[in-house]
Protein backbone atom coordinates (compact mmCIF):
# COMPACT_ATOMS: atom_id res chain seq x y z
CA MET A 1 2.22 -26.66 -1.94
CA PRO A 2 1.99 -29.03 0.57
CA THR A 3 -0.21 -31.74 0.25
CA THR A 4 -1.51 -31.93 3.86
CA GLN A 5 -5.64 -32.22 3.77
CA PRO A 6 -7.27 -28.91 5.85
CA THR A 7 -9.51 -29.19 8.51
CA THR A 8 -12.77 -28.05 7.77
CA VAL A 9 -14.93 -26.61 10.67
CA ASP A 10 -18.58 -25.21 9.80
CA PHE A 11 -20.34 -22.83 12.47
CA LEU A 12 -23.69 -21.03 12.46
CA LEU A 13 -23.94 -17.05 12.97
CA SER A 14 -26.48 -14.91 14.30
CA ALA A 15 -26.45 -11.42 14.17
CA PRO A 16 -28.86 -8.66 16.38
CA HIS A 17 -29.86 -6.60 13.52
CA HIS A 18 -32.07 -9.72 12.15
CA ARG A 19 -33.23 -13.17 13.43
CA ARG A 20 -31.77 -15.44 10.51
CA PRO A 21 -28.84 -17.76 11.16
CA PHE A 22 -26.19 -17.71 8.69
CA ALA A 23 -23.57 -20.63 7.75
CA ALA A 24 -19.37 -20.24 7.74
CA ASP A 25 -16.98 -22.28 7.58
CA ALA A 26 -12.99 -22.26 8.02
CA ARG A 27 -10.39 -24.00 6.24
CA PHE A 28 -7.14 -24.68 7.90
CA VAL A 29 -3.93 -26.83 8.10
CA ALA A 30 -4.04 -27.81 12.01
CA ASP A 31 -0.63 -27.80 13.50
CA GLY A 32 -0.74 -25.50 15.98
CA ARG A 33 0.74 -22.51 14.95
CA ALA A 34 -0.98 -18.86 14.38
CA LYS A 35 -1.67 -18.34 11.25
CA PRO A 36 -3.03 -15.49 9.49
CA VAL A 37 -6.94 -15.39 8.63
CA VAL A 38 -8.43 -14.51 5.54
CA VAL A 39 -12.47 -14.20 5.12
CA PHE A 40 -13.80 -14.19 1.60
CA VAL A 41 -17.16 -12.69 0.84
CA HIS A 42 -19.53 -14.12 -2.05
CA GLY A 43 -21.41 -11.26 -4.50
CA PHE A 44 -24.73 -11.11 -5.77
CA LYS A 45 -26.63 -14.64 -6.66
CA GLY A 46 -23.58 -16.09 -5.13
CA PHE A 47 -23.16 -18.47 -2.19
CA LYS A 48 -20.20 -19.68 -0.01
CA ASP A 49 -20.29 -23.24 -1.78
CA TRP A 50 -20.49 -21.42 -4.95
CA GLY A 51 -18.60 -23.31 -7.97
CA HIS A 52 -14.84 -23.47 -7.10
CA PHE A 53 -15.39 -21.90 -3.79
CA HIS A 54 -14.47 -24.91 -1.84
CA VAL A 55 -11.11 -25.29 -3.98
CA LEU A 56 -10.25 -22.22 -3.69
CA ALA A 57 -10.66 -22.45 0.83
CA ASP A 58 -8.20 -25.62 0.20
CA TRP A 59 -5.61 -24.05 -1.72
CA PHE A 60 -5.51 -20.97 0.37
CA ALA A 61 -5.03 -23.20 3.72
CA ARG A 62 -2.53 -25.56 2.14
CA ARG A 63 -0.51 -21.82 1.59
CA GLY A 64 -0.68 -21.12 5.36
CA PHE A 65 -3.79 -18.83 5.91
CA VAL A 66 -7.34 -19.94 7.72
CA PHE A 67 -9.65 -19.15 5.24
CA VAL A 68 -13.44 -18.37 6.43
CA LYS A 69 -16.17 -18.29 3.95
CA LEU A 70 -19.82 -17.07 4.90
CA ASN A 71 -23.26 -17.04 3.52
CA LEU A 72 -24.21 -13.40 3.65
CA SER A 73 -27.93 -14.32 5.97
CA HIS A 74 -29.93 -12.88 2.98
CA ASN A 75 -28.54 -14.29 0.11
CA GLY A 76 -31.07 -16.53 -0.53
CA VAL A 77 -29.34 -19.81 1.14
CA VAL A 78 -31.29 -22.02 4.00
CA VAL A 79 -29.32 -23.23 6.80
CA GLY A 80 -30.15 -27.07 6.08
CA GLY A 81 -31.68 -26.36 2.89
CA SER A 82 -30.35 -27.59 -0.27
CA GLY A 83 -27.09 -25.35 -0.79
CA ASP A 84 -28.64 -23.29 -3.62
CA LEU A 85 -30.36 -20.69 -3.27
CA GLU A 86 -34.22 -21.13 -2.29
CA ASP A 87 -35.07 -18.25 0.22
CA LEU A 88 -36.17 -15.97 -2.30
CA GLU A 89 -38.20 -13.72 0.30
CA ALA A 90 -35.16 -13.36 2.40
CA PHE A 91 -33.31 -12.01 -1.14
CA GLY A 92 -35.45 -9.53 -1.32
CA ARG A 93 -35.20 -8.19 1.75
CA ASN A 94 -31.57 -7.76 1.92
CA ASN A 95 -29.52 -4.69 1.40
CA PHE A 96 -26.18 -3.40 1.42
CA SER A 97 -26.59 -2.51 5.33
CA ILE A 98 -27.30 -5.81 6.40
CA GLU A 99 -24.49 -7.61 4.66
CA LEU A 100 -22.06 -5.53 6.34
CA ASP A 101 -23.48 -5.54 9.14
CA ASP A 102 -23.45 -9.93 9.17
CA LEU A 103 -19.76 -9.46 8.06
CA GLY A 104 -19.24 -7.88 10.86
CA ALA A 105 -20.80 -10.10 13.36
CA LEU A 106 -18.13 -12.78 11.62
CA LEU A 107 -15.59 -10.41 12.40
CA ASP A 108 -16.65 -10.15 15.84
CA ALA A 109 -17.07 -14.02 16.67
CA LEU A 110 -13.73 -15.21 15.26
CA HIS A 111 -12.41 -12.74 18.14
CA GLN A 112 -14.79 -13.91 20.67
CA PRO A 113 -12.94 -17.45 21.99
CA GLY A 114 -15.36 -20.25 21.28
CA GLN A 115 -17.44 -18.83 19.30
CA THR A 116 -16.80 -20.12 16.10
CA GLY A 117 -15.00 -23.42 16.69
CA ILE A 118 -11.83 -22.76 15.47
CA PRO A 119 -8.79 -23.21 17.71
CA ALA A 120 -7.73 -20.04 18.96
CA ALA A 121 -4.37 -21.39 18.56
CA GLU A 122 -4.56 -21.52 14.29
CA MET A 123 -5.40 -17.55 14.44
CA ASP A 124 -3.50 -15.22 14.19
CA LEU A 125 -6.03 -12.41 14.47
CA SER A 126 -3.70 -9.12 14.69
CA ARG A 127 -3.21 -10.71 10.09
CA LEU A 128 -6.76 -10.38 9.63
CA ALA A 129 -7.36 -9.63 5.67
CA LEU A 130 -10.34 -9.32 3.24
CA ILE A 131 -11.27 -11.00 -0.10
CA GLY A 132 -14.35 -9.98 -1.67
CA HIS A 133 -15.64 -10.94 -5.35
CA SER A 134 -17.81 -8.48 -7.48
CA ARG A 135 -20.55 -6.77 -5.10
CA GLY A 136 -18.46 -8.48 -2.32
CA GLY A 137 -15.53 -6.34 -3.41
CA GLY A 138 -17.53 -3.38 -2.76
CA LEU A 139 -19.03 -4.84 0.80
CA VAL A 140 -14.93 -5.63 2.05
CA LEU A 141 -13.55 -2.05 1.52
CA LEU A 142 -16.41 -0.73 3.22
CA LYS A 143 -16.15 -3.04 5.96
CA ALA A 144 -12.59 -2.59 6.34
CA ALA A 145 -12.71 1.31 6.09
CA GLU A 146 -15.19 1.35 9.43
CA ASP A 147 -13.18 -1.60 11.26
CA ILE A 148 -9.56 -1.47 12.03
CA ARG A 149 -8.91 -5.23 12.96
CA VAL A 150 -9.39 -5.43 9.18
CA ARG A 151 -5.21 -5.42 8.16
CA ALA A 152 -5.46 -5.97 4.40
CA VAL A 153 -7.91 -6.18 1.71
CA ALA A 154 -8.42 -7.45 -1.77
CA THR A 155 -10.83 -7.23 -4.28
CA TRP A 156 -11.89 -9.79 -7.29
CA ALA A 157 -13.22 -8.18 -9.87
CA ALA A 158 -14.93 -5.65 -7.54
CA ILE A 159 -17.72 -3.20 -8.10
CA SER A 160 -17.07 0.75 -7.53
CA ASN A 161 -20.41 2.22 -6.33
CA VAL A 162 -23.13 -0.01 -4.80
CA ASN A 163 -25.71 2.44 -6.62
CA PRO A 164 -25.83 0.61 -10.68
CA GLY A 165 -26.62 3.70 -11.82
CA TRP A 166 -30.36 4.05 -11.17
CA THR A 167 -32.51 6.40 -13.25
CA GLU A 168 -35.15 8.47 -11.65
CA GLN A 169 -37.52 6.48 -13.58
CA GLN A 170 -36.43 3.14 -12.93
CA MET A 171 -36.66 4.44 -9.43
CA ALA A 172 -40.12 6.01 -9.35
CA ASP A 173 -41.82 2.75 -10.87
CA TRP A 174 -39.88 0.55 -8.45
CA GLN A 175 -41.34 2.59 -5.55
CA LEU A 176 -44.90 2.04 -7.05
CA LYS A 177 -44.51 -1.65 -7.92
CA GLY A 178 -43.15 -2.48 -4.53
CA VAL A 179 -40.39 -4.69 -6.22
CA LEU A 180 -38.05 -5.37 -8.78
CA HIS A 181 -37.36 -8.29 -10.41
CA VAL A 182 -34.03 -9.66 -11.59
CA GLU A 183 -33.12 -12.88 -13.43
CA ASN A 184 -30.79 -15.37 -11.84
CA SER A 185 -28.73 -16.53 -15.58
CA ARG A 186 -27.77 -20.26 -14.15
CA THR A 187 -30.94 -21.22 -12.53
CA ARG A 188 -33.65 -18.71 -14.54
CA GLN A 189 -35.05 -17.93 -11.20
CA GLN A 190 -37.00 -14.50 -11.17
CA LEU A 191 -34.96 -13.09 -8.07
CA PRO A 192 -36.98 -10.24 -6.20
CA LEU A 193 -35.37 -7.30 -5.02
CA TYR A 194 -37.96 -4.78 -2.69
CA TYR A 195 -37.85 -0.90 -2.82
CA GLN A 196 -36.47 -1.47 0.78
CA LEU A 197 -32.96 -1.73 -1.19
CA VAL A 198 -33.26 1.57 -2.21
CA GLU A 199 -34.56 3.33 0.89
CA ASN A 200 -31.52 1.70 2.66
CA TYR A 201 -28.89 2.89 0.20
CA TYR A 202 -30.25 6.56 1.33
CA GLN A 203 -30.60 6.04 4.58
CA HIS A 204 -26.52 5.05 4.81
CA GLN A 205 -25.04 7.11 1.61
CA ASP A 206 -22.04 7.72 3.64
CA ARG A 207 -21.65 4.63 5.48
CA LEU A 208 -22.10 3.37 1.52
CA ASN A 209 -19.93 5.15 0.10
CA ILE A 210 -17.16 3.65 -1.52
CA GLU A 211 -14.99 6.14 -3.12
CA GLN A 212 -15.52 8.38 0.22
CA ASN A 213 -14.40 5.18 2.33
CA LEU A 214 -11.62 4.58 0.14
CA ARG A 215 -9.76 7.95 -0.29
CA GLN A 216 -10.74 8.69 3.45
CA GLN A 217 -9.80 5.61 5.50
CA LEU A 218 -7.66 3.20 3.76
CA ALA A 219 -4.93 4.85 2.44
CA ASP A 220 -2.89 3.01 4.80
CA ARG A 221 -3.53 0.14 4.74
CA PRO A 222 -2.73 -2.04 1.73
CA VAL A 223 -5.70 -2.59 -0.98
CA LEU A 224 -5.34 -5.16 -3.54
CA ILE A 225 -7.27 -4.65 -6.61
CA LEU A 226 -7.32 -7.79 -8.86
CA HIS A 227 -10.02 -7.61 -12.27
CA GLY A 228 -10.10 -9.41 -15.41
CA ASP A 229 -9.51 -7.71 -19.05
CA GLN A 230 -12.24 -10.20 -20.10
CA ASP A 231 -14.62 -9.26 -17.25
CA GLU A 232 -18.43 -9.34 -18.89
CA THR A 233 -20.33 -8.25 -16.08
CA VAL A 234 -18.51 -5.35 -14.25
CA PRO A 235 -16.16 -3.30 -16.50
CA LEU A 236 -12.61 -3.43 -16.11
CA GLU A 237 -12.99 0.46 -15.75
CA ARG A 238 -14.64 -0.34 -11.96
CA ALA A 239 -11.14 -1.42 -11.79
CA ARG A 240 -9.50 1.84 -12.93
CA GLN A 241 -11.67 4.03 -11.13
CA LEU A 242 -11.24 2.62 -8.13
CA HIS A 243 -7.49 3.02 -8.22
CA ALA A 244 -7.69 6.20 -8.97
CA TRP A 245 -9.47 6.58 -5.84
CA GLN A 246 -6.52 5.43 -3.99
CA PRO A 247 -3.34 5.43 -5.87
CA ALA A 248 -1.68 3.45 -2.85
CA ALA A 249 -3.55 0.29 -3.47
CA GLU A 250 -1.96 -2.03 -6.00
CA LEU A 251 -3.58 -2.88 -9.24
CA ARG A 252 -3.36 -6.13 -10.92
CA VAL A 253 -5.04 -6.59 -14.00
CA LEU A 254 -5.07 -10.52 -15.74
CA ALA A 255 -5.07 -11.40 -19.13
CA GLY A 256 -7.83 -13.57 -20.14
CA THR A 257 -9.70 -13.55 -17.31
CA THR A 258 -13.58 -13.17 -16.89
CA HIS A 259 -15.82 -12.01 -13.70
CA ASN A 260 -15.86 -15.85 -12.16
CA PHE A 261 -12.12 -16.51 -12.61
CA GLY A 262 -12.86 -19.40 -14.99
CA GLY A 263 -15.36 -20.96 -12.49
CA ALA A 264 -18.78 -22.31 -13.02
CA HIS A 265 -21.59 -23.67 -10.61
CA PRO A 266 -20.99 -26.65 -9.99
CA TRP A 267 -17.30 -26.83 -9.91
CA PRO A 268 -16.26 -30.90 -9.89
CA ALA A 269 -12.45 -30.58 -10.49
CA ALA A 270 -9.88 -30.95 -7.69
CA GLU A 271 -8.03 -28.07 -9.24
CA LEU A 272 -8.71 -24.71 -9.45
CA PRO A 273 -10.09 -23.09 -12.47
CA GLU A 274 -6.37 -21.38 -14.29
CA GLN A 275 -7.12 -17.85 -13.70
CA ALA A 276 -8.62 -18.29 -9.97
CA GLN A 277 -5.10 -19.90 -9.64
CA GLN A 278 -4.01 -16.94 -11.05
CA ALA A 279 -5.68 -14.46 -8.44
CA ALA A 280 -5.19 -16.86 -5.52
CA GLU A 281 -1.17 -16.71 -5.92
CA ALA A 282 -1.04 -12.99 -6.37
CA THR A 283 -3.85 -12.12 -3.35
CA ALA A 284 -1.78 -14.80 -1.15
CA GLU A 285 1.89 -13.21 -2.19
CA PHE A 286 0.01 -9.91 -1.34
CA PHE A 287 -1.06 -10.76 2.11
CA GLU A 288 1.84 -12.40 2.55
CA LEU A 289 4.27 -9.33 2.19
CA LYS A 290 1.88 -6.87 3.57
CA MET A 291 0.98 -8.93 6.83
CA ARG A 292 4.61 -10.11 7.55
CA SER A 293 4.58 -10.11 11.68
């Protein structure tokens, strides 16, 4: 792969559905040629600069893509802050509809000249693809289903349902208290989830139904489902479930691969973890094949 140093463009986004600015960045080799665009979406408790994601961005840029990653607006990261999760109130106010709309705001910005600072000559937006990790994998399937501008999708260790299986008793307790806390195992923070998350889910069940959208809306678009056989967070069965719902998708099970594809935060190395390298190569090959101009 060429050793050309990619160009980095940082930009801020805004959205009509809330007043909270959120950050994104793009990496690409500035050669004046229109390149396919890949948008990467982090998962639950994740953020755009987690672990090896900066190395991943450079890898895709050198491969010939414009690689864009964003902080979903309510993921707990503050513009101009530490770069890690620190606004726990915002984290608690997050929901799936906000995240889908944030991703839509980014796609809109990419299609509006001058909104991102990425030169239009560098982007071929007729070859636009999404990658989502973990919860982000579910989000990119849902967004592709509702946005025909998305040409192809790849999921990495994706969820298959935005409802992780809340029981009636759990939801009753949650509603009574108004908040449920989950621990960030990396930082030991107690992260709040306000009950509005459940309310939003029930208000928008059709939009948030991964099975329904995968079956009905994505039969005619390329979908790659990547999952590690050593995933300790999202069981491999979730990938098999996604594939059963859409047999036209391509399922790739990566041997010896964990949920974070060998990465950790922080990631000081200049090279990708071997597991992430394998996932990146499989994904790039898939997009190159399926999005030929």
